[in-house]
Amino acid sequence: ESWLPRHGKVHNLLNSRVKSSSICDGVSKGRWNDIDCHGKVEIIAIGTQESVPGASGLFTATGITSKFTGNETKNEHIAKAIGNIGKPLDGLSNRVNDVLSHVAKGEQIGGTSQLKQSIVDQVGGDYCLLNDFQRGEICFYLFVRQDLAAISKVTHVRAENCGFGSVLANKGGIAVILTVGSTRLSFVNCHLNANEGQDHYEARLQNMTQVLEGTGEPTLTAHHAFVFGDLNFRIALPGNSKGGPLPKEEAELVGQNLVARKDWALLNRHDELRKALEEKQILSGFSTPACPFPPTYKVERKKGVAYTYTRIPSYTDRILFKSNEVTRKIEPIVYEPVPQFCTSDHKPIRGLFFLPNRPHLLLPDDRAVLAVTLSRICCKSLVPASSLLHYDIHSYVKASCLPSDLELSPHEARRTSTIRNTDRPSWPKAVELKMRVRVHDKDKIEGALLVIESRKENLVEADSSVGTGILDLEHIIRKSFGTPRWSSAIEEPLLRGGIQCGKIFCKMTAEWEGSARTTSPDKSRKNSPGSGETTEQVYASFFSSQLDLPSSLVIPILATNRMCDTRVWLIENSSSML
């Protein structure tokens, strides 16, 4: 019950948080009451980052009773599982080959089947296990409430290894995209490079980019995305008077002093993840709540928070979120650690997130077609994945709709010509990208996106992506209502692997063909109890814990006769030793 509510019930858990510091800034009483009125979540997603195969001990969904203690025993179990890593690769033990075989197949290893069964028992029969996937030590489980299973499906599951030689799966991530009705939600469960220091910090940045690129960029085309796990970012305290880093022993003493003073604000200011986000070195466009609580690492394996000061106490276990829709954004409600967990040197993090429902959209008749044109196109500061020099770039721009079957007239131009030898290509005014969108299918129009991609033309190998920009096509449709012709200047970052790799600038024009719209869909009709209109409501709840237990995400979705909203309850769990 401490981290994963039995049968998905969160009412009592939420009531106990009303007056606590776990409530995020800016949350109104009305918003809290609206969230608290529903006692059971709709979706539960659970991820673990260190499910060590072969370790002895009894796991349950409410805790772990284990015969092992400390890191020494853990290392012994790892050594037994993967053999002597110091030997040449061709001399690794048969056990390594066995583990790698499991890794490649995404199979359950050792005691993780017991972990899975315990979670299934805790979640209860009101939920359907929609997907479970394992890559090495990283696991992900996704449950949907039985009454929502018919409108929910997993459309994407990929994993990427970032361990030794990008082969071992002790580091890396699993990406899952869940579609509920017309809403796509992506979840990326990560375990990144450990340890302190600049080299390890840069390795974490590279790991994150590698995970996103290797899993097919799941956060780009999802309406809303969560990245969570043992991200391993540390507290990097300011250096000495000469500008150099503090000696390890001195840094540990400073960290110990800050914890004793409960100076969480100062620790947050020196958090590596916040620095990376501010400098756009990682996960561009993502946000994470502040951490007004004790660091989650490195702690003793007991209830409460007591640190082992062989490391600077740090907020290694995190949850980040991003919305690609204009009409609704994720709002953090609760964000807190779970100090009563005692089976890891990390404490879990969990959070509740609120996602408002889309405003009601009244569609025009079947004859209505919206022509979208991009003109005056130029890009700046393009950074391809591989290029000898910045000016050694031959690039073009292409555009498409998502879903693709919204588009008419496939003969229309959807890519520009190639401009060579520049990272700042600019096309003549006469060059246009055109798309004709049939606006009649509500299921497809709700959440529709416009994808703009800069691509590098390669002479030998296949063309590669420089970066992708995402525009909310539904928002464009809404803005264009009431006028036969609407235009706007566009400035959009181009992303690859969560990093900005350039910008695209253009003029967008939206013009109605056939039956022109003259009224706004937001005002022409409202839901009423007798209208028969049904609207999706999505609750999401994430559980992720560094404490030798799994991360989990819970997302509820309901159909009602009024405008409804979405709540996300999320817990991050980085470590799960079995």
Protein backbone atom coordinates (compact mmCIF):
# COMPACT_ATOMS: atom_id res chain seq x y z
CA GLU A 1 0.00 0.00 0.00
CA SER A 2 2.92 2.37 0.57
CA TRP A 3 3.75 2.75 -3.11
CA LEU A 4 1.15 0.89 -5.18
CA PRO A 5 -2.44 1.22 -3.90
CA ARG A 6 -4.23 -2.10 -3.78
CA HIS A 7 -6.77 -2.52 -6.61
CA GLY A 8 -5.90 0.96 -7.91
CA LYS A 9 -7.65 2.81 -5.06
CA VAL A 10 -5.96 6.13 -4.23
CA HIS A 11 -8.68 7.98 -2.30
CA ASN A 12 -7.19 7.53 1.18
CA LEU A 13 -3.68 8.14 -0.11
CA LEU A 14 -4.72 11.44 -1.69
CA ASN A 15 -6.67 12.60 1.37
CA SER A 16 -3.55 12.21 3.52
CA ARG A 17 -1.64 14.61 1.21
CA VAL A 18 -4.06 17.55 1.20
CA LYS A 19 -2.10 19.63 3.72
CA SER A 20 1.38 18.25 3.07
CA SER A 21 4.34 19.88 1.32
CA SER A 22 3.95 17.24 -1.39
CA ILE A 23 1.32 19.42 -3.08
CA CYS A 24 2.92 21.23 -6.02
CA ASP A 25 2.87 25.02 -6.32
CA GLY A 26 -0.18 26.60 -7.93
CA VAL A 27 -2.66 23.78 -7.26
CA SER A 28 -6.09 25.18 -6.45
CA LYS A 29 -8.49 23.66 -3.94
CA GLY A 30 -11.04 23.15 -6.68
CA ARG A 31 -8.53 21.24 -8.78
CA TRP A 32 -7.63 19.04 -5.82
CA ASN A 33 -11.27 18.31 -5.00
CA ASP A 34 -11.93 17.44 -8.64
CA ILE A 35 -9.06 14.93 -8.61
CA ASP A 36 -9.95 13.46 -5.22
CA CYS A 37 -13.57 12.67 -6.11
CA HIS A 38 -12.57 9.53 -8.01
CA GLY A 39 -11.30 6.66 -5.87
CA LYS A 40 -9.84 4.30 -8.45
CA VAL A 41 -7.35 4.96 -11.22
CA GLU A 42 -7.77 3.68 -14.75
CA ILE A 43 -4.25 2.83 -15.90
CA ILE A 44 -1.27 1.51 -13.99
CA ALA A 45 2.20 1.47 -15.52
CA ILE A 46 5.06 -0.05 -13.54
CA GLY A 47 8.75 0.09 -14.36
CA THR A 48 11.87 -1.19 -12.61
CA GLN A 49 15.45 -0.33 -13.40
CA GLU A 50 17.51 -2.87 -11.42
CA SER A 51 15.74 -6.21 -11.40
CA VAL A 52 18.80 -8.32 -10.59
CA PRO A 53 18.37 -11.93 -11.73
CA GLY A 54 19.08 -14.78 -9.38
CA ALA A 55 19.14 -12.95 -6.05
CA SER A 56 17.40 -14.74 -3.21
CA GLY A 57 14.64 -13.09 -1.23
CA LEU A 58 10.89 -12.75 -1.05
CA PHE A 59 9.25 -9.87 -2.92
CA THR A 60 5.72 -8.56 -2.50
CA ALA A 61 4.08 -5.50 -4.00
CA THR A 62 4.03 -3.81 -0.60
CA GLY A 63 7.64 -4.53 0.25
CA ILE A 64 10.58 -6.92 0.00
CA THR A 65 11.84 -9.29 2.66
CA SER A 66 15.32 -10.24 1.58
CA LYS A 67 18.24 -12.29 2.87
CA PHE A 68 20.79 -9.94 1.32
CA THR A 69 22.06 -6.63 2.70
CA GLY A 70 24.36 -3.93 1.35
CA ASN A 71 26.08 -3.51 -1.99
CA GLU A 72 28.56 -6.32 -1.52
CA THR A 73 25.95 -9.05 -1.82
CA LYS A 74 24.36 -7.26 -4.77
CA ASN A 75 27.69 -7.22 -6.61
CA GLU A 76 28.16 -10.90 -5.89
CA HIS A 77 24.80 -11.66 -7.46
CA ILE A 78 25.62 -9.53 -10.49
CA ALA A 79 28.97 -11.28 -10.86
CA LYS A 80 27.27 -14.66 -10.83
CA ALA A 81 24.78 -13.47 -13.46
CA ILE A 82 27.16 -12.00 -16.03
CA GLY A 83 30.49 -13.68 -15.28
CA ASN A 84 33.85 -11.95 -15.07
CA ILE A 85 33.43 -8.75 -17.06
CA GLY A 86 37.17 -8.10 -16.88
CA LYS A 87 37.94 -10.97 -19.26
CA PRO A 88 38.08 -10.44 -23.02
CA LEU A 89 34.68 -10.48 -24.68
CA ASP A 90 35.31 -13.82 -26.33
CA GLY A 91 36.03 -15.33 -22.91
CA LEU A 92 32.81 -14.36 -21.16
CA SER A 93 31.07 -17.17 -19.33
CA ASN A 94 28.12 -19.10 -20.70
CA ARG A 95 25.99 -17.25 -18.16
CA VAL A 96 26.67 -13.99 -20.02
CA ASN A 97 25.42 -15.56 -23.21
CA ASP A 98 22.31 -16.77 -21.39
CA VAL A 99 21.60 -13.28 -20.04
CA LEU A 100 22.21 -11.65 -23.42
CA SER A 101 19.87 -14.15 -25.02
CA HIS A 102 17.16 -13.14 -22.55
CA VAL A 103 17.98 -9.48 -23.20
CA ALA A 104 17.56 -9.89 -26.95
CA LYS A 105 14.25 -11.70 -26.57
CA GLY A 106 12.83 -9.44 -23.86
CA GLU A 107 12.13 -12.48 -21.66
CA GLN A 108 11.58 -12.73 -17.93
CA ILE A 109 14.85 -13.50 -16.11
CA GLY A 110 15.16 -15.39 -12.85
CA GLY A 111 12.99 -14.05 -10.03
CA THR A 112 11.34 -11.31 -12.09
CA SER A 113 8.46 -13.68 -12.81
CA GLN A 114 7.76 -13.59 -9.06
CA LEU A 115 7.87 -9.79 -9.18
CA LYS A 116 5.36 -9.76 -12.02
CA GLN A 117 2.97 -12.10 -10.22
CA SER A 118 3.15 -10.05 -7.03
CA ILE A 119 2.28 -6.87 -8.94
CA VAL A 120 -0.61 -8.60 -10.72
CA ASP A 121 -1.97 -9.75 -7.34
CA GLN A 122 -1.65 -6.27 -5.85
CA VAL A 123 -3.31 -4.53 -8.80
CA GLY A 124 -6.23 -6.97 -8.68
CA GLY A 125 -8.77 -8.42 -11.09
CA ASP A 126 -10.32 -5.08 -12.08
CA TYR A 127 -7.32 -4.49 -14.35
CA CYS A 128 -6.07 -6.10 -17.53
CA LEU A 129 -2.31 -6.57 -18.08
CA LEU A 130 -2.04 -4.89 -21.47
CA ASN A 131 1.72 -5.20 -21.89
CA ASP A 132 4.78 -6.48 -20.04
CA PHE A 133 8.32 -6.18 -21.35
CA GLN A 134 11.78 -6.85 -19.96
CA ARG A 135 15.17 -5.84 -21.28
CA GLY A 136 17.94 -7.12 -19.01
CA GLU A 137 17.51 -5.50 -15.58
CA ILE A 138 14.85 -3.04 -16.79
CA CYS A 139 11.17 -4.03 -16.69
CA PHE A 140 7.91 -2.37 -17.66
CA TYR A 141 4.33 -3.46 -16.96
CA LEU A 142 1.16 -1.73 -18.15
CA PHE A 143 -2.33 -2.34 -16.74
CA VAL A 144 -5.62 -0.86 -17.94
CA ARG A 145 -8.89 -1.02 -16.05
CA GLN A 146 -11.10 -3.72 -17.51
CA ASP A 147 -13.86 -1.38 -18.68
CA LEU A 148 -11.31 0.65 -20.71
CA ALA A 149 -9.47 -2.23 -22.34
CA ALA A 150 -11.63 -2.03 -25.48
CA ILE A 151 -10.48 1.54 -26.30
CA SER A 152 -6.86 1.11 -25.16
CA LYS A 153 -3.95 -0.45 -26.98
CA VAL A 154 -0.16 -0.41 -26.92
CA THR A 155 1.07 0.76 -30.31
CA HIS A 156 4.82 0.92 -29.72
CA VAL A 157 7.31 -0.99 -27.55
CA ARG A 158 11.06 -0.55 -28.03
CA ALA A 159 14.13 -0.85 -25.83
CA GLU A 160 17.71 0.43 -26.04
CA ASN A 161 20.80 -0.81 -24.19
CA CYS A 162 23.37 1.70 -22.91
CA GLY A 163 25.49 -0.65 -20.79
CA PHE A 164 28.96 -1.99 -21.61
CA GLY A 165 29.51 -1.58 -25.34
CA SER A 166 25.81 -0.65 -25.75
CA VAL A 167 25.17 -4.40 -25.40
CA LEU A 168 24.53 -5.01 -21.71
CA ALA A 169 21.12 -3.90 -20.45
CA ASN A 170 22.03 -2.79 -16.94
CA LYS A 171 21.72 0.74 -18.35
CA GLY A 172 19.31 1.93 -21.01
CA GLY A 173 15.56 2.32 -21.33
CA ILE A 174 12.20 0.96 -22.41
CA ALA A 175 9.71 3.11 -24.35
CA VAL A 176 5.99 2.35 -24.56
CA ILE A 177 3.26 4.31 -26.35
CA LEU A 178 -0.28 3.78 -25.11
CA THR A 179 -3.25 4.95 -27.17
CA VAL A 180 -6.47 5.53 -25.24
CA GLY A 181 -9.26 6.68 -27.53
CA SER A 182 -7.60 9.41 -29.59
CA THR A 183 -4.89 10.27 -27.05
CA ARG A 184 -1.32 8.97 -27.32
CA LEU A 185 0.73 8.79 -24.12
CA SER A 186 4.39 7.77 -24.16
CA PHE A 187 6.35 6.44 -21.19
CA VAL A 188 10.12 6.09 -21.19
CA ASN A 189 11.56 4.14 -18.26
CA CYS A 190 15.32 4.81 -17.96
CA HIS A 191 18.40 3.79 -16.03
CA LEU A 192 21.32 6.08 -16.91
CA ASN A 193 25.06 6.16 -16.20
CA ALA A 194 25.95 6.38 -12.50
CA ASN A 195 28.61 8.13 -10.37
CA GLU A 196 29.74 11.72 -9.86
CA GLY A 197 31.93 13.93 -12.01
CA GLN A 198 31.79 15.72 -15.36
CA ASP A 199 32.56 12.63 -17.45
CA HIS A 200 29.67 10.69 -15.90
CA TYR A 201 27.37 13.71 -16.29
CA GLU A 202 28.13 13.84 -20.01
CA ALA A 203 27.64 10.07 -20.24
CA ARG A 204 24.14 10.48 -18.79
CA LEU A 205 23.32 13.09 -21.42
CA GLN A 206 24.52 10.72 -24.14
CA ASN A 207 22.56 7.82 -22.61
CA MET A 208 19.32 9.81 -22.71
CA THR A 209 19.80 10.80 -26.34
CA GLN A 210 20.69 7.20 -27.22
CA VAL A 211 17.58 5.85 -25.49
CA LEU A 212 15.23 8.25 -27.32
CA GLU A 213 16.82 7.74 -30.74
CA GLY A 214 17.16 3.99 -30.26
CA THR A 215 13.51 3.56 -29.28
CA GLY A 216 12.17 5.51 -32.26
CA GLU A 217 11.72 8.99 -30.75
CA PRO A 218 8.57 8.05 -28.77
CA THR A 219 8.17 11.48 -27.14
CA LEU A 220 7.99 13.40 -30.44
CA THR A 221 4.62 12.30 -31.79
CA ALA A 222 2.88 11.43 -28.51
CA HIS A 223 0.38 13.99 -27.29
CA HIS A 224 1.85 13.77 -23.80
CA ALA A 225 5.07 12.15 -22.66
CA PHE A 226 6.67 11.05 -19.39
CA VAL A 227 10.33 10.20 -18.84
CA PHE A 228 11.18 8.68 -15.48
CA GLY A 229 13.53 6.33 -13.67
CA ASP A 230 16.92 6.29 -12.04
CA LEU A 231 18.36 9.10 -14.14
CA ASN A 232 21.35 9.27 -11.76
CA PHE A 233 21.85 13.04 -12.00
CA ARG A 234 23.72 14.29 -8.94
CA ILE A 235 24.13 17.40 -6.84
CA ALA A 236 27.14 19.23 -8.29
CA LEU A 237 28.26 21.64 -5.56
CA PRO A 238 30.14 24.83 -6.51
CA GLY A 239 33.93 24.56 -6.67
CA ASN A 240 36.68 26.13 -4.61
CA SER A 241 37.89 29.74 -4.78
CA LYS A 242 40.23 28.86 -7.67
CA GLY A 243 37.41 27.51 -9.79
CA GLY A 244 38.31 23.86 -9.40
CA PRO A 245 36.01 21.14 -8.03
CA LEU A 246 35.82 20.52 -4.30
CA PRO A 247 37.80 17.52 -3.04
CA LYS A 248 35.54 14.49 -2.64
CA GLU A 249 35.74 14.47 1.18
CA GLU A 250 34.98 18.19 1.42
CA ALA A 251 32.05 17.93 -1.00
CA GLU A 252 30.57 15.09 1.04
CA LEU A 253 30.82 17.20 4.21
CA VAL A 254 29.13 20.16 2.52
CA GLY A 255 26.35 17.91 1.30
CA GLN A 256 25.94 16.44 4.78
CA ASN A 257 25.66 19.93 6.22
CA LEU A 258 23.00 20.99 3.69
CA VAL A 259 20.94 17.91 4.49
CA ALA A 260 21.24 18.56 8.24
CA ARG A 261 19.98 22.14 7.65
CA LYS A 262 17.20 20.82 5.36
CA ASP A 263 18.28 23.34 2.75
CA TRP A 264 16.43 21.64 -0.07
CA ALA A 265 16.26 24.85 -2.10
CA LEU A 266 20.05 25.13 -2.30
CA LEU A 267 20.39 21.46 -3.19
CA ASN A 268 17.84 21.97 -5.98
CA ARG A 269 19.85 24.91 -7.36
CA HIS A 270 22.88 22.65 -7.79
CA ASP A 271 20.94 19.73 -9.28
CA GLU A 272 22.59 18.49 -12.50
CA LEU A 273 19.25 17.67 -14.13
CA ARG A 274 17.95 21.21 -13.68
CA LYS A 275 21.16 22.55 -15.19
CA ALA A 276 20.81 20.18 -18.16
CA LEU A 277 17.19 21.24 -18.73
CA GLU A 278 17.94 24.96 -18.44
CA GLU A 279 20.86 24.69 -20.87
CA LYS A 280 18.80 22.46 -23.21
CA GLN A 281 21.35 19.68 -23.06
CA ILE A 282 18.66 17.08 -22.51
CA LEU A 283 14.89 16.53 -22.98
CA SER A 284 14.09 19.87 -24.58
CA GLY A 285 10.58 21.05 -23.68
CA PHE A 286 10.26 18.74 -20.66
CA SER A 287 9.60 19.93 -17.12
CA THR A 288 10.03 18.38 -13.69
CA PRO A 289 8.61 19.57 -10.36
CA ALA A 290 10.91 20.99 -7.71
CA CYS A 291 12.06 18.61 -4.97
CA PRO A 292 11.14 20.25 -1.60
CA PHE A 293 12.12 17.10 0.27
CA PRO A 294 15.25 15.14 1.24
CA PRO A 295 17.37 13.69 -1.59
CA THR A 296 16.43 10.14 -2.56
CA TYR A 297 20.02 8.78 -2.78
CA LYS A 298 22.24 7.43 -1.20
CA VAL A 299 20.32 6.12 1.81
CA GLU A 300 20.53 3.30 4.31
CA ARG A 301 18.24 0.32 3.76
CA LYS A 302 15.73 1.13 6.48
CA LYS A 303 12.54 3.12 6.98
CA GLY A 304 12.93 6.86 7.08
CA VAL A 305 15.80 8.76 5.49
CA ALA A 306 19.34 8.18 6.75
CA TYR A 307 22.26 8.72 4.39
CA THR A 308 25.46 6.80 3.76
CA TYR A 309 27.79 9.68 3.00
CA THR A 310 30.02 7.80 0.58
CA ARG A 311 28.13 9.85 -2.03
CA ILE A 312 26.76 13.39 -2.00
CA PRO A 313 23.00 13.08 -1.30
CA SER A 314 21.25 13.64 -4.65
CA TYR A 315 17.88 13.61 -6.40
CA THR A 316 18.72 10.71 -8.72
CA ASP A 317 15.15 9.43 -9.13
CA ARG A 318 12.94 11.71 -11.19
CA ILE A 319 9.79 12.18 -13.24
CA LEU A 320 9.64 14.57 -16.21
CA PHE A 321 6.69 15.43 -18.44
CA LYS A 322 5.88 17.23 -21.67
CA SER A 323 2.76 18.09 -23.72
CA ASN A 324 2.77 18.46 -27.51
CA GLU A 325 -0.81 19.77 -27.54
CA VAL A 326 -1.59 23.49 -27.33
CA THR A 327 -5.16 23.15 -26.06
CA ARG A 328 -4.24 21.21 -22.90
CA LYS A 329 -1.13 20.77 -20.78
CA ILE A 330 -0.07 18.41 -18.01
CA GLU A 331 -0.26 19.97 -14.54
CA PRO A 332 1.77 18.48 -11.65
CA ILE A 333 -0.37 18.02 -8.52
CA VAL A 334 1.63 15.83 -6.10
CA TYR A 335 5.35 15.01 -6.16
CA GLU A 336 6.97 13.16 -3.25
CA PRO A 337 9.36 10.41 -2.13
CA VAL A 338 8.31 7.23 -0.33
CA PRO A 339 10.55 7.18 2.78
CA GLN A 340 9.01 4.04 4.32
CA PHE A 341 10.59 1.88 1.59
CA CYS A 342 13.70 0.16 2.93
CA THR A 343 15.04 -2.36 0.41
CA SER A 344 17.34 -0.15 -1.67
CA ASP A 345 19.85 2.66 -1.33
CA HIS A 346 17.31 4.81 -3.21
CA LYS A 347 13.88 6.04 -2.15
CA PRO A 348 11.02 5.95 -4.69
CA ILE A 349 9.45 9.07 -6.15
CA ARG A 350 5.78 9.32 -7.02
CA GLY A 351 3.61 12.05 -8.41
CA LEU A 352 0.06 12.92 -9.41
CA PHE A 353 -0.40 14.80 -12.67
CA PHE A 354 -3.55 16.39 -14.07
CA LEU A 355 -4.37 16.54 -17.78
CA PRO A 356 -7.41 18.64 -18.73
CA ASN A 357 -9.66 17.23 -21.40
CA ARG A 358 -9.68 18.70 -24.89
CA PRO A 359 -12.21 21.48 -25.43
CA HIS A 360 -15.29 20.33 -27.31
CA LEU A 361 -14.82 20.33 -31.08
CA LEU A 362 -17.84 20.68 -33.40
CA LEU A 363 -16.76 19.46 -36.82
CA PRO A 364 -18.00 20.86 -40.13
CA ASP A 365 -19.79 18.78 -42.74
CA ASP A 366 -18.08 16.18 -44.91
CA ARG A 367 -17.36 18.67 -47.69
CA ALA A 368 -15.02 20.83 -45.60
CA VAL A 369 -11.34 20.65 -46.52
CA LEU A 370 -8.58 22.73 -44.94
CA ALA A 371 -5.62 23.57 -47.16
CA VAL A 372 -2.46 24.13 -45.10
CA THR A 373 0.50 25.80 -46.84
CA LEU A 374 4.01 26.40 -45.49
CA SER A 375 6.01 29.11 -47.29
CA ARG A 376 9.08 31.31 -46.75
CA ILE A 377 10.82 28.31 -45.22
CA CYS A 378 14.25 28.58 -43.66
CA CYS A 379 16.28 26.71 -41.04
CA LYS A 380 19.00 27.91 -38.72
CA SER A 381 21.83 26.27 -36.76
CA LEU A 382 21.25 22.76 -38.08
CA VAL A 383 23.32 20.09 -36.33
CA PRO A 384 23.09 16.70 -38.06
CA ALA A 385 23.96 13.49 -36.26
CA SER A 386 27.17 13.09 -38.27
CA SER A 387 28.92 15.75 -40.32
CA LEU A 388 32.56 16.65 -40.72
CA LEU A 389 31.84 20.38 -40.76
CA HIS A 390 28.80 22.54 -39.98
CA TYR A 391 28.62 23.71 -43.58
CA ASP A 392 28.88 20.12 -44.86
CA ILE A 393 25.09 19.72 -44.80
CA HIS A 394 22.82 19.02 -47.76
CA SER A 395 19.32 19.37 -46.35
CA TYR A 396 15.66 19.54 -47.30
CA VAL A 397 12.38 19.91 -45.39
CA LYS A 398 9.36 17.61 -45.57
CA ALA A 399 5.93 17.86 -43.93
CA SER A 400 3.15 15.39 -43.15
CA CYS A 401 0.00 14.94 -41.09
CA LEU A 402 -0.46 12.50 -38.24
CA PRO A 403 -2.58 10.45 -38.73
CA SER A 404 -1.48 10.27 -42.35
CA ASP A 405 -4.87 9.34 -43.81
CA LEU A 406 -6.20 12.83 -43.07
CA GLU A 407 -4.33 14.10 -46.12
CA LEU A 408 -5.89 14.41 -49.58
CA SER A 409 -4.23 15.00 -52.96
CA PRO A 410 -1.01 13.00 -52.54
CA HIS A 411 0.40 14.73 -55.67
CA GLU A 412 0.87 17.96 -53.71
CA ALA A 413 4.47 18.90 -52.85
CA ARG A 414 5.41 17.80 -49.34
CA ARG A 415 9.18 18.26 -49.50
CA THR A 416 11.43 21.05 -50.63
CA SER A 417 14.39 20.85 -52.93
CA THR A 418 17.82 20.17 -51.39
CA ILE A 419 20.04 23.10 -50.46
CA ARG A 420 23.73 22.19 -50.19
CA ASN A 421 26.68 23.11 -48.00
CA THR A 422 25.01 25.20 -45.31
CA ASP A 423 23.53 24.83 -41.85
CA ARG A 424 21.22 27.80 -42.53
CA PRO A 425 19.25 26.83 -45.65
CA SER A 426 16.61 29.27 -46.94
CA TRP A 427 14.21 28.46 -49.77
CA PRO A 428 12.75 30.98 -52.26
CA LYS A 429 9.29 32.40 -51.56
CA ALA A 430 7.88 30.36 -54.43
CA VAL A 431 8.78 27.08 -52.66
CA GLU A 432 5.77 25.83 -50.70
CA LEU A 433 4.76 22.70 -48.83
CA LYS A 434 1.06 21.98 -49.24
CA MET A 435 -1.35 19.63 -47.47
CA ARG A 436 -5.11 19.32 -47.93
CA VAL A 437 -6.79 17.96 -44.80
CA ARG A 438 -10.31 16.53 -44.78
CA VAL A 439 -11.90 17.79 -41.57
CA HIS A 440 -14.79 15.46 -40.87
CA ASP A 441 -13.63 12.54 -38.70
CA LYS A 442 -13.64 13.60 -35.03
CA ASP A 443 -11.62 10.59 -33.89
CA LYS A 444 -8.81 11.53 -36.27
CA ILE A 445 -8.98 15.32 -36.00
CA GLU A 446 -8.85 15.31 -32.19
CA GLY A 447 -5.15 15.25 -31.42
CA ALA A 448 -4.04 15.54 -35.06
CA LEU A 449 -0.46 16.78 -35.47
CA LEU A 450 1.54 18.41 -38.24
CA VAL A 451 5.07 16.96 -38.48
CA ILE A 452 7.82 19.12 -40.02
CA GLU A 453 11.20 17.46 -40.45
CA SER A 454 14.58 18.67 -41.64
CA ARG A 455 16.49 15.84 -43.32
CA LYS A 456 20.09 15.46 -44.42
CA GLU A 457 20.64 14.11 -47.91
CA ASN A 458 23.35 11.45 -47.99
CA LEU A 459 25.04 10.24 -51.14
CA VAL A 460 25.82 6.68 -50.01
CA GLU A 461 23.59 5.76 -47.09
CA ALA A 462 19.91 6.53 -46.55
CA ASP A 463 18.92 10.12 -45.78
CA SER A 464 18.89 10.89 -42.05
CA SER A 465 16.86 13.16 -39.80
CA VAL A 466 18.43 16.41 -38.61
CA GLY A 467 15.48 17.25 -36.38
CA THR A 468 11.69 17.25 -36.18
CA GLY A 469 9.20 19.93 -35.19
CA ILE A 470 5.65 19.15 -34.06
CA LEU A 471 2.66 21.49 -34.52
CA ASP A 472 -0.80 20.95 -33.06
CA LEU A 473 -2.97 20.58 -36.17
CA GLU A 474 -6.18 20.47 -34.14
CA HIS A 475 -5.23 23.85 -32.65
CA ILE A 476 -4.63 25.21 -36.17
CA ILE A 477 -8.09 24.02 -37.21
CA ARG A 478 -9.63 25.72 -34.19
CA LYS A 479 -7.77 28.98 -34.86
CA SER A 480 -8.84 29.03 -38.50
CA PHE A 481 -12.56 28.75 -37.71
CA GLY A 482 -14.46 31.98 -38.33
CA THR A 483 -12.33 33.10 -41.27
CA PRO A 484 -11.84 31.63 -44.74
CA ARG A 485 -8.09 32.31 -44.55
CA TRP A 486 -5.82 32.33 -41.48
CA SER A 487 -2.05 32.75 -41.34
CA SER A 488 0.65 32.79 -38.70
CA ALA A 489 4.43 33.02 -38.44
CA ILE A 490 5.97 29.75 -37.22
CA GLU A 491 9.19 29.36 -35.23
CA GLU A 492 9.65 25.79 -34.07
CA PRO A 493 12.64 23.95 -32.54
CA LEU A 494 13.86 20.87 -34.40
CA LEU A 495 14.45 18.01 -31.98
CA ARG A 496 16.44 14.80 -32.23
CA GLY A 497 17.06 12.55 -29.25
CA GLY A 498 15.44 15.16 -27.00
CA ILE A 499 18.00 17.81 -27.99
CA GLN A 500 17.39 20.92 -30.08
CA CYS A 501 19.35 20.48 -33.34
CA GLY A 502 18.19 23.62 -35.08
CA LYS A 503 15.13 25.77 -35.70
CA ILE A 504 12.69 26.09 -38.57
CA PHE A 505 10.94 29.33 -39.56
CA CYS A 506 8.07 29.65 -42.01
CA LYS A 507 4.72 31.25 -42.73
CA MET A 508 1.69 29.01 -42.28
CA THR A 509 -1.56 29.68 -44.11
CA ALA A 510 -4.78 27.74 -43.50
CA GLU A 511 -7.59 28.22 -46.00
CA TRP A 512 -11.00 26.53 -46.06
CA GLU A 513 -12.25 24.94 -49.25
CA GLY A 514 -15.81 23.88 -50.02
CA SER A 515 -18.00 24.57 -46.99
CA ALA A 516 -16.12 27.40 -45.28
CA ARG A 517 -16.36 27.61 -41.50
CA THR A 518 -17.78 30.81 -40.05
CA THR A 519 -18.37 29.84 -36.42
CA SER A 520 -16.04 28.69 -33.71
CA PRO A 521 -16.37 25.03 -32.71
CA ASP A 522 -15.73 25.98 -29.09
CA LYS A 523 -18.84 28.20 -28.91
CA SER A 524 -21.30 26.70 -31.35
CA ARG A 525 -22.37 23.81 -29.13
CA LYS A 526 -21.83 22.83 -25.53
CA ASN A 527 -22.23 19.53 -23.76
CA SER A 528 -25.43 19.18 -21.85
CA PRO A 529 -26.68 16.28 -19.72
CA GLY A 530 -29.20 15.32 -22.40
CA SER A 531 -27.02 15.83 -25.45
CA GLY A 532 -25.75 12.27 -25.49
CA GLU A 533 -22.19 13.51 -26.05
CA THR A 534 -19.47 11.43 -24.37
CA THR A 535 -16.01 12.69 -23.60
CA GLU A 536 -12.88 10.85 -22.57
CA GLN A 537 -11.47 11.40 -19.14
CA VAL A 538 -8.00 10.08 -18.52
CA TYR A 539 -6.50 9.58 -15.11
CA ALA A 540 -2.85 8.70 -15.07
CA SER A 541 -0.93 7.57 -12.07
CA PHE A 542 2.79 6.86 -12.22
CA PHE A 543 4.63 4.78 -9.69
CA SER A 544 8.38 4.56 -9.92
CA SER A 545 10.59 3.62 -7.04
CA GLN A 546 14.33 3.36 -6.64
CA LEU A 547 13.67 1.12 -3.70
CA ASP A 548 14.15 -2.37 -5.06
CA LEU A 549 10.57 -2.12 -6.27
CA PRO A 550 9.06 -1.22 -9.59
CA SER A 551 8.16 2.12 -11.05
CA SER A 552 4.51 2.34 -11.78
CA LEU A 553 2.22 4.59 -13.69
CA VAL A 554 -1.50 4.70 -13.25
CA ILE A 555 -3.75 6.46 -15.75
CA PRO A 556 -7.55 6.46 -15.41
CA ILE A 557 -9.92 7.12 -18.26
CA LEU A 558 -13.71 7.40 -18.05
CA ALA A 559 -16.58 8.18 -20.40
CA THR A 560 -19.12 10.65 -19.00
CA ASN A 561 -21.88 12.99 -20.13
CA ARG A 562 -19.91 16.12 -19.33
CA MET A 563 -16.51 17.61 -20.05
CA CYS A 564 -13.97 15.62 -18.06
CA ASP A 565 -10.27 15.75 -17.32
CA THR A 566 -7.29 13.48 -16.92
CA ARG A 567 -5.22 12.69 -13.83
CA VAL A 568 -1.83 11.03 -13.88
CA TRP A 569 -0.52 9.34 -10.73
CA LEU A 570 3.14 8.50 -11.29
CA ILE A 571 5.75 6.76 -9.14
CA GLU A 572 9.41 6.35 -10.11
CA ASN A 573 11.22 3.24 -8.86
CA SER A 574 14.78 2.84 -9.99
CA SER A 575 15.90 -0.28 -8.19
CA SER A 576 14.35 -3.69 -7.73
CA MET A 577 16.58 -6.45 -6.46
CA LEU A 578 14.93 -9.85 -6.35
